[in-house]
Amino acid sequence: MENRIGHWIFDADGARLTGRGEERHLEDRAARTLALLCERRGDVVSREDILAAVWNGRAVSDNSVAVVMRDLRKALDDDARQPRFIETVAKRGYRLAPPVVPARRKRIWPVAAAGAAVLALGLYLFLYRPPVVLAVEPVHNETGQEAYEPLSRALTEVVIGETARMKGVAVAARDARLRLEGRLILWNGVPALGLTVTDPVNGHVVWTGMAEGGEDVIAKLTAAKLGELGRKLRHRTGLDE
């Protein structure tokens, strides 16, 4: 069965993507996950549903689904910070964007169009409270060991997913008011993720946090630390008042 995703055509039976003269083969779990997302395209697919369908409900680490999503985004040339195809839906799961259908052009009288634009702008300025715009950098593996590269990539997905859930925070690659960086290190022989938020204009450090623990718990500890960051940013912007 074939599904179109942007300029890519996904062949679920052949576990491959083809487009613009290029062919990319997918690992079995990645292909089965993408097939599930295509089957329920436009709907949110929970992590539990993915585990049940792809891993047959077997117990796996917290990073397993995140690693597969990272591999799929890489294969599709997608960006978790500004997704075109696979969207992380806060606290719910993942969604494959429906195909883009060109809208039929409608003729609008200039005066009516101008009036609608003014009204929309007024409502926007009255109701919209600008969020904190946060640039999330990929987690850097500073352990000196290549064996921790998969963990650093998986933690990048965790950080992006958790920041995307924060109330009043927009994750963007450009024009960010703050920058979040993560560094994976070894602390007393155990993986630890150091998190730092800085103001790119003046270089001031706004917040720091450290998630220390083994590979089986570091993702949960990272999510907890980012929860602290979310509370600080809400306080900073007055959203928790």
C-alpha atoms as a PDB file:
ATOM      1  CA  MET A   1       0.000   0.000   0.000  1.00  0.00           C
ATOM      2  CA  GLU A   2       1.322   3.457  -0.945  1.00  0.00           C
ATOM      3  CA  ASN A   3       0.799   6.701   0.939  1.00  0.00           C
ATOM      4  CA  ARG A   4       1.948  10.153  -0.124  1.00  0.00           C
ATOM      5  CA  ILE A   5       3.750  12.249   2.497  1.00  0.00           C
ATOM      6  CA  GLY A   6       4.849  15.542   0.989  1.00  0.00           C
ATOM      7  CA  HIS A   7       6.954  14.604  -2.054  1.00  0.00           C
ATOM      8  CA  TRP A   8       7.596  11.143  -0.591  1.00  0.00           C
ATOM      9  CA  ILE A   9       5.633   7.988  -1.424  1.00  0.00           C
ATOM     10  CA  PHE A  10       5.636   5.478   1.412  1.00  0.00           C
ATOM     11  CA  ASP A  11       5.463   1.822   0.404  1.00  0.00           C
ATOM     12  CA  ALA A  12       4.425   0.064   3.621  1.00  0.00           C
ATOM     13  CA  ASP A  13       4.884  -3.430   2.168  1.00  0.00           C
ATOM     14  CA  GLY A  14       8.380  -2.622   0.953  1.00  0.00           C
ATOM     15  CA  ALA A  15       9.274  -0.500   4.018  1.00  0.00           C
ATOM     16  CA  ARG A  16      10.664   2.286   1.880  1.00  0.00           C
ATOM     17  CA  LEU A  17      10.236   5.925   0.904  1.00  0.00           C
ATOM     18  CA  THR A  18      10.673   7.080  -2.696  1.00  0.00           C
ATOM     19  CA  GLY A  19      10.600  10.570  -4.128  1.00  0.00           C
ATOM     20  CA  ARG A  20      12.452  12.823  -6.550  1.00  0.00           C
ATOM     21  CA  GLY A  21      14.566   9.981  -7.804  1.00  0.00           C
ATOM     22  CA  GLU A  22      15.647   8.903  -4.297  1.00  0.00           C
ATOM     23  CA  GLU A  23      14.834   5.774  -2.335  1.00  0.00           C
ATOM     24  CA  ARG A  24      15.189   5.388   1.440  1.00  0.00           C
ATOM     25  CA  HIS A  25      14.666   2.111   3.284  1.00  0.00           C
ATOM     26  CA  LEU A  26      13.154   2.106   6.768  1.00  0.00           C
ATOM     27  CA  GLU A  27      13.948  -0.152   9.720  1.00  0.00           C
ATOM     28  CA  ASP A  28      11.079  -2.577  10.434  1.00  0.00           C
ATOM     29  CA  ARG A  29       9.781  -0.811  13.585  1.00  0.00           C
ATOM     30  CA  ALA A  30       9.986   2.590  11.895  1.00  0.00           C
ATOM     31  CA  ALA A  31       8.074   1.297   8.845  1.00  0.00           C
ATOM     32  CA  ARG A  32       5.365  -0.286  10.999  1.00  0.00           C
ATOM     33  CA  THR A  33       5.017   2.905  13.057  1.00  0.00           C
ATOM     34  CA  LEU A  34       4.686   5.028   9.920  1.00  0.00           C
ATOM     35  CA  ALA A  35       2.115   2.588   8.526  1.00  0.00           C
ATOM     36  CA  LEU A  36       0.064   3.009  11.723  1.00  0.00           C
ATOM     37  CA  LEU A  37       0.284   6.803  11.480  1.00  0.00           C
ATOM     38  CA  CYS A  38      -0.809   6.626   7.824  1.00  0.00           C
ATOM     39  CA  GLU A  39      -3.719   4.334   8.696  1.00  0.00           C
ATOM     40  CA  ARG A  40      -4.937   6.874  11.277  1.00  0.00           C
ATOM     41  CA  ARG A  41      -3.769   9.927   9.391  1.00  0.00           C
ATOM     42  CA  GLY A  42      -4.944  13.197  10.891  1.00  0.00           C
ATOM     43  CA  ASP A  43      -5.746  11.535  14.232  1.00  0.00           C
ATOM     44  CA  VAL A  44      -3.532  11.445  17.309  1.00  0.00           C
ATOM     45  CA  VAL A  45      -1.901   8.052  17.872  1.00  0.00           C
ATOM     46  CA  SER A  46      -0.885   7.534  21.479  1.00  0.00           C
ATOM     47  CA  ARG A  47       2.441   6.089  22.601  1.00  0.00           C
ATOM     48  CA  GLU A  48       0.532   3.156  24.080  1.00  0.00           C
ATOM     49  CA  ASP A  49      -1.130   2.415  20.720  1.00  0.00           C
ATOM     50  CA  ILE A  50       2.271   2.479  19.007  1.00  0.00           C
ATOM     51  CA  LEU A  51       3.766   0.123  21.598  1.00  0.00           C
ATOM     52  CA  ALA A  52       0.808  -2.260  21.239  1.00  0.00           C
ATOM     53  CA  ALA A  53       0.942  -2.319  17.432  1.00  0.00           C
ATOM     54  CA  VAL A  54       4.694  -2.233  16.833  1.00  0.00           C
ATOM     55  CA  TRP A  55       6.162  -3.872  19.935  1.00  0.00           C
ATOM     56  CA  ASN A  56       3.125  -6.097  20.606  1.00  0.00           C
ATOM     57  CA  GLY A  57       2.806  -4.521  24.059  1.00  0.00           C
ATOM     58  CA  ARG A  58       6.233  -5.730  25.212  1.00  0.00           C
ATOM     59  CA  ALA A  59       7.970  -3.708  27.913  1.00  0.00           C
ATOM     60  CA  VAL A  60      10.555  -1.380  26.359  1.00  0.00           C
ATOM     61  CA  SER A  61      12.477   1.661  27.551  1.00  0.00           C
ATOM     62  CA  ASP A  62      10.882   5.117  27.659  1.00  0.00           C
ATOM     63  CA  ASN A  63      13.113   6.178  24.765  1.00  0.00           C
ATOM     64  CA  SER A  64      12.017   3.487  22.270  1.00  0.00           C
ATOM     65  CA  VAL A  65       9.147   5.389  20.636  1.00  0.00           C
ATOM     66  CA  ALA A  66      11.137   8.645  20.678  1.00  0.00           C
ATOM     67  CA  VAL A  67      14.039   6.965  18.867  1.00  0.00           C
ATOM     68  CA  VAL A  68      11.716   5.607  16.157  1.00  0.00           C
ATOM     69  CA  MET A  69      10.102   9.037  15.715  1.00  0.00           C
ATOM     70  CA  ARG A  70      13.538  10.612  15.410  1.00  0.00           C
ATOM     71  CA  ASP A  71      14.474   8.078  12.703  1.00  0.00           C
ATOM     72  CA  LEU A  72      11.223   8.710  10.797  1.00  0.00           C
ATOM     73  CA  ARG A  73      11.697  12.466  10.892  1.00  0.00           C
ATOM     74  CA  LYS A  74      15.245  12.068   9.641  1.00  0.00           C
ATOM     75  CA  ALA A  75      14.086   9.846   6.776  1.00  0.00           C
ATOM     76  CA  LEU A  76      11.337  12.348   5.818  1.00  0.00           C
ATOM     77  CA  ASP A  77      13.647  15.375   6.187  1.00  0.00           C
ATOM     78  CA  ASP A  78      11.225  16.618   8.839  1.00  0.00           C
ATOM     79  CA  ASP A  79      12.078  18.870  11.804  1.00  0.00           C
ATOM     80  CA  ALA A  80      10.585  18.181  15.237  1.00  0.00           C
ATOM     81  CA  ARG A  81      10.859  21.889  16.107  1.00  0.00           C
ATOM     82  CA  GLN A  82       8.941  22.965  12.981  1.00  0.00           C
ATOM     83  CA  PRO A  83       7.195  19.771  11.824  1.00  0.00           C
ATOM     84  CA  ARG A  84       5.686  19.474   8.370  1.00  0.00           C
ATOM     85  CA  PHE A  85       4.664  15.830   8.598  1.00  0.00           C
ATOM     86  CA  ILE A  86       4.899  14.244  12.071  1.00  0.00           C
ATOM     87  CA  GLU A  87       3.554  16.392  14.880  1.00  0.00           C
ATOM     88  CA  THR A  88       4.112  15.760  18.594  1.00  0.00           C
ATOM     89  CA  VAL A  89       0.809  16.425  20.375  1.00  0.00           C
ATOM     90  CA  ALA A  90       1.374  17.382  24.009  1.00  0.00           C
ATOM     91  CA  LYS A  91       0.543  14.602  26.496  1.00  0.00           C
ATOM     92  CA  ARG A  92      -1.349  12.660  23.824  1.00  0.00           C
ATOM     93  CA  GLY A  93       0.977  11.199  21.201  1.00  0.00           C
ATOM     94  CA  TYR A  94       1.847  11.769  17.553  1.00  0.00           C
ATOM     95  CA  ARG A  95      -0.092  12.747  14.445  1.00  0.00           C
ATOM     96  CA  LEU A  96       0.696  12.481  10.742  1.00  0.00           C
ATOM     97  CA  ALA A  97      -0.461  15.640   9.001  1.00  0.00           C
ATOM     98  CA  PRO A  98      -3.193  15.083   6.392  1.00  0.00           C
ATOM     99  CA  PRO A  99      -2.349  15.714   2.730  1.00  0.00           C
ATOM    100  CA  VAL A 100      -2.421  19.346   1.686  1.00  0.00           C
ATOM    101  CA  VAL A 101      -5.381  19.994  -0.583  1.00  0.00           C
ATOM    102  CA  PRO A 102      -5.116  23.236  -2.608  1.00  0.00           C
ATOM    103  CA  ALA A 103      -7.906  25.580  -1.598  1.00  0.00           C
ATOM    104  CA  ARG A 104     -10.238  26.974  -4.223  1.00  0.00           C
ATOM    105  CA  ARG A 105      -9.625  30.652  -4.749  1.00  0.00           C
ATOM    106  CA  LYS A 106     -12.565  32.847  -3.914  1.00  0.00           C
ATOM    107  CA  ARG A 107     -13.149  36.342  -5.191  1.00  0.00           C
ATOM    108  CA  ILE A 108     -13.415  38.838  -2.333  1.00  0.00           C
ATOM    109  CA  TRP A 109     -14.304  42.469  -2.823  1.00  0.00           C
ATOM    110  CA  PRO A 110     -11.365  44.708  -1.750  1.00  0.00           C
ATOM    111  CA  VAL A 111     -13.363  46.709   0.803  1.00  0.00           C
ATOM    112  CA  ALA A 112     -14.757  43.587   2.464  1.00  0.00           C
ATOM    113  CA  ALA A 113     -11.325  41.962   2.522  1.00  0.00           C
ATOM    114  CA  ALA A 114      -9.733  45.038   4.105  1.00  0.00           C
ATOM    115  CA  GLY A 115     -12.454  45.219   6.745  1.00  0.00           C
ATOM    116  CA  ALA A 116     -12.022  41.559   7.617  1.00  0.00           C
ATOM    117  CA  ALA A 117      -8.251  42.001   7.897  1.00  0.00           C
ATOM    118  CA  VAL A 118      -8.617  44.968  10.257  1.00  0.00           C
ATOM    119  CA  LEU A 119     -11.114  43.067  12.411  1.00  0.00           C
ATOM    120  CA  ALA A 120      -8.842  39.996  12.564  1.00  0.00           C
ATOM    121  CA  LEU A 121      -5.837  42.128  13.501  1.00  0.00           C
ATOM    122  CA  GLY A 122      -7.811  43.860  16.240  1.00  0.00           C
ATOM    123  CA  LEU A 123      -8.955  40.558  17.727  1.00  0.00           C
ATOM    124  CA  TYR A 124      -5.401  39.213  17.550  1.00  0.00           C
ATOM    125  CA  LEU A 125      -3.928  42.179  19.401  1.00  0.00           C
ATOM    126  CA  PHE A 126      -6.722  42.107  21.989  1.00  0.00           C
ATOM    127  CA  LEU A 127      -6.755  38.386  22.735  1.00  0.00           C
ATOM    128  CA  TYR A 128      -3.285  37.102  21.945  1.00  0.00           C
ATOM    129  CA  ARG A 129      -0.617  37.157  24.579  1.00  0.00           C
ATOM    130  CA  PRO A 130       2.793  36.631  22.932  1.00  0.00           C
ATOM    131  CA  PRO A 131       4.452  33.492  24.296  1.00  0.00           C
ATOM    132  CA  VAL A 132       8.072  32.998  25.175  1.00  0.00           C
ATOM    133  CA  VAL A 133       9.786  31.926  21.959  1.00  0.00           C
ATOM    134  CA  LEU A 134      12.314  29.208  22.776  1.00  0.00           C
ATOM    135  CA  ALA A 135      14.965  27.768  20.470  1.00  0.00           C
ATOM    136  CA  VAL A 136      15.760  24.167  21.385  1.00  0.00           C
ATOM    137  CA  GLU A 137      19.233  23.013  20.412  1.00  0.00           C
ATOM    138  CA  PRO A 138      20.026  19.305  19.832  1.00  0.00           C
ATOM    139  CA  VAL A 139      21.477  17.589  22.892  1.00  0.00           C
ATOM    140  CA  HIS A 140      25.273  17.444  22.588  1.00  0.00           C
ATOM    141  CA  ASN A 141      27.023  14.213  23.500  1.00  0.00           C
ATOM    142  CA  GLU A 142      29.947  15.383  25.609  1.00  0.00           C
ATOM    143  CA  THR A 143      30.644  11.999  27.222  1.00  0.00           C
ATOM    144  CA  GLY A 144      33.476  11.328  24.788  1.00  0.00           C
ATOM    145  CA  GLN A 145      31.871   7.975  23.946  1.00  0.00           C
ATOM    146  CA  GLU A 146      30.045   7.251  20.672  1.00  0.00           C
ATOM    147  CA  ALA A 147      27.955   4.619  22.447  1.00  0.00           C
ATOM    148  CA  TYR A 148      25.919   7.475  23.986  1.00  0.00           C
ATOM    149  CA  GLU A 149      24.997   9.038  20.619  1.00  0.00           C
ATOM    150  CA  PRO A 150      21.614   7.212  20.433  1.00  0.00           C
ATOM    151  CA  LEU A 151      20.801   8.383  23.966  1.00  0.00           C
ATOM    152  CA  SER A 152      21.658  11.994  23.142  1.00  0.00           C
ATOM    153  CA  ARG A 153      19.418  11.868  20.051  1.00  0.00           C
ATOM    154  CA  ALA A 154      16.578  10.306  22.013  1.00  0.00           C
ATOM    155  CA  LEU A 155      16.911  12.958  24.726  1.00  0.00           C
ATOM    156  CA  THR A 156      16.692  15.629  22.019  1.00  0.00           C
ATOM    157  CA  GLU A 157      13.226  14.267  21.144  1.00  0.00           C
ATOM    158  CA  VAL A 158      12.274  14.220  24.831  1.00  0.00           C
ATOM    159  CA  VAL A 159      13.358  17.844  25.298  1.00  0.00           C
ATOM    160  CA  ILE A 160      11.510  19.007  22.167  1.00  0.00           C
ATOM    161  CA  GLY A 161       8.375  17.094  23.141  1.00  0.00           C
ATOM    162  CA  GLU A 162       8.317  18.431  26.700  1.00  0.00           C
ATOM    163  CA  THR A 163       8.955  22.051  25.679  1.00  0.00           C
ATOM    164  CA  ALA A 164       6.205  21.803  23.073  1.00  0.00           C
ATOM    165  CA  ARG A 165       3.776  21.015  25.918  1.00  0.00           C
ATOM    166  CA  MET A 166       4.645  24.122  27.924  1.00  0.00           C
ATOM    167  CA  LYS A 167       1.867  26.660  28.275  1.00  0.00           C
ATOM    168  CA  GLY A 168       2.847  30.058  26.892  1.00  0.00           C
ATOM    169  CA  VAL A 169       5.978  28.753  25.152  1.00  0.00           C
ATOM    170  CA  ALA A 170       6.480  28.533  21.394  1.00  0.00           C
ATOM    171  CA  VAL A 171       9.331  26.374  20.084  1.00  0.00           C
ATOM    172  CA  ALA A 172      10.979  27.892  17.026  1.00  0.00           C
ATOM    173  CA  ALA A 173      14.326  27.746  15.274  1.00  0.00           C
ATOM    174  CA  ARG A 174      14.537  31.489  14.562  1.00  0.00           C
ATOM    175  CA  ASP A 175      13.844  34.806  16.255  1.00  0.00           C
ATOM    176  CA  ALA A 176      13.870  33.137  19.673  1.00  0.00           C
ATOM    177  CA  ARG A 177      13.880  35.183  22.875  1.00  0.00           C
ATOM    178  CA  LEU A 178      15.583  32.336  24.750  1.00  0.00           C
ATOM    179  CA  ARG A 179      17.783  29.362  23.841  1.00  0.00           C
ATOM    180  CA  LEU A 180      17.663  25.937  25.539  1.00  0.00           C
ATOM    181  CA  GLU A 181      20.795  23.802  25.290  1.00  0.00           C
ATOM    182  CA  GLY A 182      21.421  20.294  26.610  1.00  0.00           C
ATOM    183  CA  ARG A 183      24.730  18.545  27.245  1.00  0.00           C
ATOM    184  CA  LEU A 184      24.968  14.828  27.956  1.00  0.00           C
ATOM    185  CA  ILE A 185      27.874  14.052  30.294  1.00  0.00           C
ATOM    186  CA  LEU A 186      29.029  11.298  32.621  1.00  0.00           C
ATOM    187  CA  TRP A 187      28.643  12.207  36.293  1.00  0.00           C
ATOM    188  CA  ASN A 188      30.300   9.686  38.596  1.00  0.00           C
ATOM    189  CA  GLY A 189      30.125   7.215  35.735  1.00  0.00           C
ATOM    190  CA  VAL A 190      26.360   7.714  35.229  1.00  0.00           C
ATOM    191  CA  PRO A 191      24.748   9.632  32.316  1.00  0.00           C
ATOM    192  CA  ALA A 192      23.525  13.101  33.286  1.00  0.00           C
ATOM    193  CA  LEU A 193      21.874  15.795  31.175  1.00  0.00           C
ATOM    194  CA  GLY A 194      22.747  19.401  31.910  1.00  0.00           C
ATOM    195  CA  LEU A 195      20.145  21.903  30.700  1.00  0.00           C
ATOM    196  CA  THR A 196      20.770  25.640  30.302  1.00  0.00           C
ATOM    197  CA  VAL A 197      18.502  28.460  29.125  1.00  0.00           C
ATOM    198  CA  THR A 198      20.236  31.645  27.990  1.00  0.00           C
ATOM    199  CA  ASP A 199      19.189  34.983  26.571  1.00  0.00           C
ATOM    200  CA  PRO A 200      20.890  35.161  23.135  1.00  0.00           C
ATOM    201  CA  VAL A 201      20.863  38.956  23.169  1.00  0.00           C
ATOM    202  CA  ASN A 202      22.987  39.486  26.275  1.00  0.00           C
ATOM    203  CA  GLY A 203      24.216  35.955  26.993  1.00  0.00           C
ATOM    204  CA  HIS A 204      22.692  35.914  30.495  1.00  0.00           C
ATOM    205  CA  VAL A 205      21.828  32.507  31.964  1.00  0.00           C
ATOM    206  CA  VAL A 206      18.103  32.423  32.775  1.00  0.00           C
ATOM    207  CA  TRP A 207      17.840  28.880  34.156  1.00  0.00           C
ATOM    208  CA  THR A 208      19.876  25.714  34.669  1.00  0.00           C
ATOM    209  CA  GLY A 209      18.920  22.170  35.595  1.00  0.00           C
ATOM    210  CA  MET A 210      20.548  18.750  35.830  1.00  0.00           C
ATOM    211  CA  ALA A 211      18.905  15.347  35.256  1.00  0.00           C
ATOM    212  CA  GLU A 212      21.125  12.668  36.820  1.00  0.00           C
ATOM    213  CA  GLY A 213      20.352   8.972  36.530  1.00  0.00           C
ATOM    214  CA  GLY A 214      20.814   5.798  34.561  1.00  0.00           C
ATOM    215  CA  GLU A 215      19.653   5.349  30.972  1.00  0.00           C
ATOM    216  CA  ASP A 216      16.393   3.773  32.182  1.00  0.00           C
ATOM    217  CA  VAL A 217      15.277   6.847  34.143  1.00  0.00           C
ATOM    218  CA  ILE A 218      17.049   9.839  32.613  1.00  0.00           C
ATOM    219  CA  ALA A 219      14.162  10.573  30.225  1.00  0.00           C
ATOM    220  CA  LYS A 220      11.672  10.853  33.131  1.00  0.00           C
ATOM    221  CA  LEU A 221      14.113  12.967  35.138  1.00  0.00           C
ATOM    222  CA  THR A 222      14.602  15.246  32.127  1.00  0.00           C
ATOM    223  CA  ALA A 223      10.825  15.694  31.781  1.00  0.00           C
ATOM    224  CA  ALA A 224      10.606  16.595  35.484  1.00  0.00           C
ATOM    225  CA  LYS A 225      13.352  19.208  35.154  1.00  0.00           C
ATOM    226  CA  LEU A 226      11.669  20.726  32.119  1.00  0.00           C
ATOM    227  CA  GLY A 227       8.479  20.915  34.170  1.00  0.00           C
ATOM    228  CA  GLU A 228      10.390  23.182  36.554  1.00  0.00           C
ATOM    229  CA  LEU A 229      11.489  25.276  33.574  1.00  0.00           C
ATOM    230  CA  GLY A 230       7.901  25.574  32.373  1.00  0.00           C
ATOM    231  CA  ARG A 231       6.780  26.862  35.767  1.00  0.00           C
ATOM    232  CA  LYS A 232       9.593  29.411  35.792  1.00  0.00           C
ATOM    233  CA  LEU A 233       8.725  30.676  32.319  1.00  0.00           C
ATOM    234  CA  ARG A 234       5.035  30.948  33.224  1.00  0.00           C
ATOM    235  CA  HIS A 235       5.996  32.987  36.273  1.00  0.00           C
ATOM    236  CA  ARG A 236       8.332  35.096  34.132  1.00  0.00           C
ATOM    237  CA  THR A 237       5.540  35.964  31.710  1.00  0.00           C
ATOM    238  CA  GLY A 238       2.817  36.238  34.342  1.00  0.00           C
ATOM    239  CA  LEU A 239       0.798  33.350  32.902  1.00  0.00           C
ATOM    240  CA  ASP A 240       0.463  31.706  36.311  1.00  0.00           C
ATOM    241  CA  GLU A 241      -1.043  34.742  37.923  1.00  0.00           C
END
